[in-house]
Protein backbone atom coordinates (compact mmCIF):
# COMPACT_ATOMS: atom_id res chain seq x y z
CA MET A 1 0.80 -50.83 -13.27
CA ARG A 2 -0.39 -47.24 -12.87
CA ARG A 3 2.06 -46.65 -10.00
CA SER A 4 4.88 -48.08 -12.12
CA ARG A 5 4.08 -45.63 -14.92
CA VAL A 6 3.99 -42.70 -12.52
CA LYS A 7 7.33 -43.81 -11.11
CA GLU A 8 8.80 -44.03 -14.63
CA ASN A 9 7.49 -40.56 -15.47
CA VAL A 10 8.97 -39.08 -12.30
CA ILE A 11 12.33 -40.69 -13.08
CA LEU A 12 12.13 -39.38 -16.66
CA VAL A 13 11.41 -35.85 -15.43
CA LEU A 14 14.31 -36.06 -12.97
CA VAL A 15 16.63 -37.27 -15.73
CA LEU A 16 15.54 -34.41 -17.97
CA ILE A 17 16.14 -31.92 -15.14
CA VAL A 18 19.62 -33.34 -14.58
CA VAL A 19 20.43 -33.32 -18.31
CA VAL A 20 19.09 -29.81 -18.95
CA GLY A 21 20.62 -28.49 -15.73
CA GLY A 22 23.92 -30.12 -16.59
CA TYR A 23 23.85 -28.58 -20.05
CA TYR A 24 23.25 -25.08 -18.70
CA PHE A 25 25.83 -25.62 -15.97
CA TYR A 26 28.35 -26.64 -18.63
CA GLN A 27 27.50 -23.59 -20.72
CA SER A 28 27.87 -21.32 -17.68
CA TYR A 29 31.15 -23.02 -16.78
CA GLN A 30 32.43 -22.44 -20.30
CA LYS A 31 31.44 -18.77 -20.11
CA LEU A 32 33.07 -18.38 -16.71
CA GLY A 33 36.21 -20.01 -18.06
CA PHE A 34 36.18 -17.64 -21.03
CA LEU A 35 35.67 -14.62 -18.73
CA ASN A 36 38.41 -15.86 -16.42
CA SER A 37 40.84 -16.10 -19.34
CA ILE A 38 40.01 -12.49 -20.30
CA ILE A 39 40.55 -11.33 -16.71
CA GLU A 40 43.89 -13.17 -16.47
CA LYS A 41 45.13 -11.50 -19.68
CA ASN A 42 43.92 -8.00 -18.71
CA GLN A 43 45.88 -6.69 -15.74
CA GLY A 44 43.75 -3.53 -15.50
CA LEU A 45 40.56 -5.56 -15.21
CA LYS A 46 42.23 -7.97 -12.77
CA ASP A 47 43.32 -5.07 -10.56
CA SER A 48 39.84 -3.56 -10.68
CA LEU A 49 38.27 -6.75 -9.37
CA ASN A 50 40.70 -6.77 -6.44
CA HIS A 51 39.89 -3.27 -5.11
CA TYR A 52 36.53 -2.40 -3.56
CA ARG A 53 36.59 1.22 -4.76
CA LYS A 54 37.23 0.14 -8.33
CA LEU A 55 34.45 -2.42 -8.13
CA GLU A 56 32.03 0.15 -6.73
CA PHE A 57 33.00 2.68 -9.41
CA LEU A 58 32.39 0.12 -12.17
CA ARG A 59 29.15 -1.04 -10.54
CA LYS A 60 27.86 2.55 -10.56
CA GLY A 61 28.52 2.78 -14.29
CA GLY A 62 32.14 4.00 -14.56
CA GLN A 63 33.29 4.19 -18.18
CA TYR A 64 36.96 3.33 -17.65
CA PHE A 65 39.10 1.08 -15.48
CA PRO A 66 40.46 3.15 -12.57
CA ASP A 67 44.24 3.21 -12.28
CA TYR A 68 45.49 4.10 -8.81
CA LYS A 69 49.14 3.38 -9.64
CA ASN A 70 49.27 5.81 -12.56
CA PRO A 71 46.31 8.10 -11.83
CA ARG A 72 44.88 10.17 -14.69
CA THR A 73 41.38 11.27 -13.67
CA LEU A 74 40.06 13.34 -10.78
CA ASN A 75 38.62 10.15 -9.26
CA ASP A 76 41.91 8.29 -9.65
CA LYS A 77 43.91 11.07 -8.04
CA VAL A 78 41.51 11.40 -5.11
CA VAL A 79 42.06 7.72 -4.29
CA TYR A 80 45.80 7.73 -5.04
CA LEU A 81 46.44 10.66 -2.70
CA TYR A 82 44.05 9.33 -0.06
CA GLU A 83 45.69 5.90 0.08
CA ASN A 84 49.30 7.03 -0.29
CA TYR A 85 49.25 10.38 1.49
CA PHE A 86 46.24 11.15 3.69
CA LEU A 87 46.00 7.69 5.28
CA LYS A 88 49.65 8.02 6.35
CA SER A 89 49.63 11.65 7.40
CA PRO A 90 48.60 12.85 10.89
CA ILE A 91 47.14 15.96 9.23
CA THR A 92 44.08 13.85 8.32
CA LYS A 93 43.20 13.47 12.01
CA ILE A 94 42.98 17.27 12.12
CA ILE A 95 41.23 18.30 8.93
CA GLY A 96 39.10 15.14 8.83
CA THR A 97 37.84 15.46 12.41
CA LYS A 98 35.25 18.19 12.73
CA TYR A 99 36.39 19.34 16.19
CA PHE A 100 40.12 19.65 15.42
CA ALA A 101 39.36 21.14 11.99
CA LYS A 102 37.70 24.12 13.67
CA GLN A 103 40.89 25.07 15.46
CA TYR A 104 42.90 24.54 12.26
CA VAL A 105 40.54 26.79 10.26
CA LYS A 106 40.55 29.41 13.02
CA ASP A 107 44.36 29.57 13.00
CA ILE A 108 44.59 29.97 9.20
CA VAL A 109 41.61 32.13 8.15
CA GLY A 110 40.08 33.39 11.40
CA GLU A 111 37.32 32.50 13.82
CA GLU A 112 34.74 34.58 11.92
CA HIS A 113 34.65 31.89 9.22
CA LEU A 114 33.66 29.10 11.60
CA VAL A 115 30.19 27.68 12.03
CA LYS A 116 29.37 28.42 15.68
CA LEU A 117 30.15 25.54 18.05
CA TYR A 118 27.72 24.99 20.94
CA GLY A 119 29.46 22.05 22.56
CA VAL A 120 31.42 18.80 22.26
CA TRP A 121 30.81 15.63 24.27
CA ASN A 122 32.63 12.31 24.56
CA ASN A 123 29.42 10.26 24.26
CA PRO A 124 25.83 10.93 23.15
CA GLU A 125 24.65 10.29 26.73
CA ASP A 126 26.79 13.21 27.96
CA ILE A 127 25.05 15.88 25.85
CA GLU A 128 23.82 18.79 27.96
CA TRP A 129 20.52 19.39 26.22
CA GLU A 130 19.53 22.26 28.49
CA LYS A 131 22.51 24.31 27.27
CA LEU A 132 21.56 24.04 23.60
CA PRO A 133 19.41 26.63 21.77
CA SER A 134 16.07 25.80 20.17
CA LYS A 135 17.72 25.07 16.80
CA PHE A 136 21.01 23.23 16.24
CA VAL A 137 22.80 20.45 14.36
CA LEU A 138 24.44 17.36 15.91
CA LYS A 139 27.31 15.57 14.15
CA SER A 140 29.78 12.77 14.81
CA VAL A 141 33.31 14.18 14.78
CA ARG A 142 34.44 12.15 11.77
CA GLY A 143 31.28 11.90 9.71
CA ASN A 144 30.46 9.71 6.74
CA PHE A 145 29.80 11.71 3.56
CA GLY A 146 27.41 13.96 5.50
CA ARG A 147 25.17 11.10 6.61
CA GLU A 148 25.92 11.18 10.35
CA VAL A 149 24.01 14.36 11.08
CA VAL A 150 20.88 15.18 13.07
CA VAL A 151 19.13 18.50 12.39
CA VAL A 152 16.98 19.82 15.23
CA LYS A 153 14.69 22.67 14.14
CA ASP A 154 12.65 22.75 17.35
CA LYS A 155 14.17 21.32 20.52
CA SER A 156 10.81 21.35 22.31
CA LYS A 157 9.50 18.75 19.84
CA MET A 158 12.63 16.56 19.90
CA ASP A 159 12.58 12.99 21.25
CA VAL A 160 15.82 12.85 23.26
CA SER A 161 15.88 9.05 23.51
CA GLU A 162 15.43 8.63 19.74
CA VAL A 163 18.13 11.20 18.94
CA THR A 164 20.52 9.57 21.45
CA LYS A 165 19.85 6.16 19.88
CA LYS A 166 20.61 7.55 16.42
CA LEU A 167 23.84 9.20 17.62
CA ASN A 168 25.01 5.96 19.25
CA LYS A 169 24.42 4.24 15.92
CA PHE A 170 26.63 6.86 14.26
CA CYS A 171 29.34 6.17 16.84
CA SER A 172 29.35 2.44 16.09
CA THR A 173 30.16 2.75 12.37
CA PRO A 174 33.39 1.05 11.18
CA ILE A 175 35.20 4.36 10.64
CA MET A 176 34.33 5.59 14.15
CA LYS A 177 35.54 2.32 15.64
CA THR A 178 38.77 2.67 13.69
CA ILE A 179 39.54 6.17 14.97
CA LYS A 180 38.15 5.28 18.43
CA ASP A 181 36.45 8.63 18.82
CA LYS A 182 32.79 8.77 19.80
CA ARG A 183 32.59 12.49 20.34
CA ILE A 184 29.53 14.42 19.23
CA ILE A 185 29.51 18.14 18.41
CA ALA A 186 26.61 20.58 18.34
CA GLU A 187 26.70 23.49 15.86
CA GLU A 188 24.45 26.30 14.75
CA LEU A 189 21.82 25.46 12.16
CA LEU A 190 22.65 27.31 8.94
CA GLU A 191 19.55 28.87 7.44
CA PRO A 192 19.76 30.53 4.01
CA THR A 193 18.48 34.05 3.46
CA GLY A 194 17.25 33.06 -0.01
CA GLY A 195 15.22 30.11 -1.26
CA PHE A 196 17.79 27.37 -0.78
CA LEU A 197 21.11 26.59 0.85
CA VAL A 198 24.08 26.22 -1.52
CA ASP A 199 27.11 24.15 -0.58
CA TYR A 200 30.06 25.55 -2.56
CA LYS A 201 32.61 22.79 -2.89
CA PHE A 202 35.94 24.05 -4.24
CA PHE A 203 38.57 21.57 -5.47
CA CYS A 204 42.01 23.03 -4.78
CA SER A 205 45.67 22.16 -5.28
CA TYR A 206 48.54 23.94 -3.52
CA GLY A 207 46.61 27.17 -3.06
CA LYS A 208 45.04 27.18 -6.53
CA VAL A 209 41.27 26.77 -6.91
CA LEU A 210 40.63 24.31 -9.75
CA VAL A 211 36.86 24.15 -10.08
CA ALA A 212 33.66 24.81 -8.10
CA ASP A 213 31.09 22.08 -7.48
CA CYS A 214 27.81 23.63 -6.28
CA MET A 215 25.11 21.57 -4.61
CA ALA A 216 21.79 23.01 -3.50
CA ARG A 217 18.79 21.93 -1.46
CA GLU A 218 15.53 23.79 -1.04
CA ASP A 219 14.60 23.04 2.56
CA ASN A 220 17.95 22.96 4.38
CA GLU A 221 17.59 19.24 4.89
CA ILE A 222 20.01 16.94 6.62
CA THR A 223 22.85 15.51 4.54
CA ASP A 224 24.97 15.80 1.42
CA VAL A 225 23.39 12.64 0.03
CA GLU A 226 20.03 14.46 -0.11
CA PHE A 227 21.27 17.13 -2.51
CA LYS A 228 19.28 16.86 -5.75
CA SER A 229 21.38 19.18 -7.93
CA CYS A 230 25.02 19.49 -8.83
CA SER A 231 26.51 22.16 -11.08
CA TYR A 232 30.19 22.65 -11.88
CA TYR A 233 31.68 26.09 -12.59
CA GLU A 234 35.01 27.26 -13.94
CA VAL A 235 36.69 29.79 -11.67
CA PRO A 236 37.21 32.69 -11.53
CA GLU A 237 34.96 33.20 -14.61
CA TRP A 238 31.98 31.42 -13.01
CA LYS A 239 31.15 29.78 -16.33
CA ARG A 240 29.06 26.64 -15.93
CA ILE A 241 30.55 23.41 -17.24
CA PRO A 242 27.88 21.54 -19.27
CA MET A 243 27.80 18.35 -17.21
CA THR A 244 26.82 16.90 -13.84
CA ILE A 245 27.72 13.88 -11.69
CA ASP A 246 25.89 10.83 -10.32
CA GLY A 247 22.75 11.61 -12.29
CA ARG A 248 21.92 14.79 -10.38
CA GLN A 249 19.95 17.57 -12.03
CA ILE A 250 21.65 20.79 -13.10
CA LEU A 251 20.66 23.99 -11.33
CA GLU A 252 21.94 27.42 -12.35
CA ILE A 253 23.75 28.92 -9.36
CA ASP A 254 24.59 32.64 -9.29
CA LYS A 255 28.13 33.63 -8.55
CA PRO A 256 28.34 34.21 -4.78
CA LYS A 257 28.50 37.87 -3.78
CA ASN A 258 31.42 37.06 -1.47
CA PHE A 259 33.28 35.15 -4.20
CA ASP A 260 36.60 36.96 -3.71
CA LYS A 261 36.55 36.18 0.01
CA MET A 262 35.80 32.54 -0.81
CA MET A 263 38.80 32.38 -3.13
CA GLU A 264 41.02 33.88 -0.44
CA ILE A 265 39.86 31.32 2.13
CA CYS A 266 40.36 28.41 -0.28
CA GLU A 267 43.82 29.57 -1.28
CA LYS A 268 44.95 29.80 2.34
CA LEU A 269 43.41 26.52 3.52
CA SER A 270 44.65 24.50 0.53
CA ALA A 271 48.17 25.97 0.36
CA ASP A 272 49.85 22.84 1.77
CA PHE A 273 47.86 20.17 -0.07
CA PRO A 274 48.23 18.60 -3.55
CA LEU A 275 44.45 18.01 -3.64
CA ILE A 276 41.78 19.02 -1.16
CA ARG A 277 38.15 20.12 -1.27
CA ILE A 278 37.06 23.18 0.71
CA ASP A 279 33.31 23.36 1.39
CA LEU A 280 31.92 26.85 2.02
CA TYR A 281 28.55 28.42 2.79
CA GLU A 282 27.39 31.97 2.21
CA ILE A 283 24.90 33.11 4.85
CA GLY A 284 24.14 36.79 4.33
CA ASN A 285 27.55 38.47 4.39
CA ARG A 286 29.15 35.58 6.27
CA VAL A 287 31.40 33.05 4.53
CA LEU A 288 31.62 29.89 6.62
CA VAL A 289 33.81 26.82 6.26
CA GLY A 290 31.66 23.69 6.29
CA GLU A 291 34.49 21.19 6.11
CA ILE A 292 37.80 20.24 4.53
CA THR A 293 37.54 16.99 2.58
CA GLU A 294 40.44 14.78 1.55
CA ASP A 295 38.37 11.92 0.08
CA SER A 296 35.83 13.60 -2.20
CA SER A 297 33.01 11.18 -3.15
CA GLY A 298 35.35 8.33 -2.29
CA GLY A 299 36.87 8.76 -5.75
CA LYS A 300 33.76 7.11 -7.23
CA ALA A 301 31.84 10.02 -8.79
CA ILE A 302 30.24 9.20 -12.14
CA PHE A 303 30.70 12.11 -14.55
CA GLU A 304 27.92 12.58 -17.09
CA ARG A 305 30.64 13.62 -19.56
CA VAL A 306 33.57 11.40 -18.70
CA GLU A 307 36.07 13.63 -20.48
CA TRP A 308 35.70 16.10 -17.60
CA ASP A 309 36.91 13.48 -15.16
CA PHE A 310 40.11 13.38 -17.23
CA LYS A 311 40.30 17.17 -17.78
CA LEU A 312 40.02 17.90 -14.06
CA GLY A 313 42.54 15.15 -13.35
CA ASP A 314 45.03 16.91 -15.63
CA ARG A 315 44.88 19.97 -13.34
CA ILE A 316 46.20 18.00 -10.37
CA PRO A 317 49.95 17.26 -10.09
CA ASN A 318 51.20 13.68 -9.97
CA LEU A 319 53.34 13.16 -6.87
CA SER A 320 55.96 10.47 -6.47
CA ARG A 321 56.20 8.36 -3.31
CA SER A 322 59.29 10.29 -2.21
CA GLU A 323 57.47 13.61 -2.60
CA ILE A 324 54.60 12.25 -0.56
CA SER A 325 56.99 11.06 2.16
CA LYS A 326 58.29 14.60 2.52
CA LEU A 327 54.73 15.90 2.90
CA VAL A 328 54.05 13.36 5.65
CA GLU A 329 57.21 14.41 7.51
CA ARG A 330 56.16 18.06 7.28
CA ASP A 331 52.66 17.23 8.49
CA GLN A 332 54.00 15.50 11.58
CA LYS A 333 55.37 18.83 12.79
CA ILE A 334 52.10 20.63 12.02
CA ALA A 335 50.07 17.96 13.83
CA GLU A 336 52.04 18.29 17.07
CA LYS A 337 50.23 21.54 17.78
CA TYR A 338 46.77 19.96 17.59
CA LEU A 339 47.19 16.31 18.61
CA LYS A 340 48.57 16.71 22.11
């Protein structure tokens, strides 16, 4: 009798679980159906859910639906030009590959604005450690938002096997497999004369500098993703814009003493591009080109004041597909010199 009651209670509990679960499943199904109907009626939302960059932008807290067909914001235009221009142009293999970019920068603004190159090797195992100074930086030729970098401040304390393992990991990333280039370069370690190293990132369009994005780090650490501050400045006035991106803190950055030289370098390097970012460093009286970036923040930066995403977007021209095709044709001739 007791076993029968226990059995009945177990069955009752199972029935309740099924009923309650079914109810909540039905409610969830109804909500999903309602959401699906909204998505089907909203083409902008539907497009957003079909593009990984849009999804990532919205996941990070983006306050609008990105539109890569009719770009309006800085983020939108970064992605539009990347997907429709830079991915199709051979110029990207030059400016986007740290080794080729050095020759390109040298030809346009001069060798004195290059970070010193110590060597380039086809594989991490080929690195000639004995030829490197006590301090240096190792990078994969393509890079990944500044993450694929190893800073060596004292070679005598370096674990060669660990560094080699890390470099091989860099070389196996999807982007490196795509470009099929495992080369590693060694450069001088930039050390600031003041308290921190500032990375001056200038957004430019056809030789015109649009805005300066300044990032700083106190201890000359490894990558862009470790920057804690981000301050935007109008140029040439050097008036700080009251906002930041991606939740970074604001740090007042003095106008660089070699500002005019920086503007000259940016104007020359960006002359052929509808949108490009020129990253510069000021070390003493030297102005050095860190890199040329065609895909700034992946077009997913979250502006603290979203209106500035739109304002900066207004400063960048909208190019038609035919205009872009002409740029690609022009770039093919430029690339012949470097991609032999």
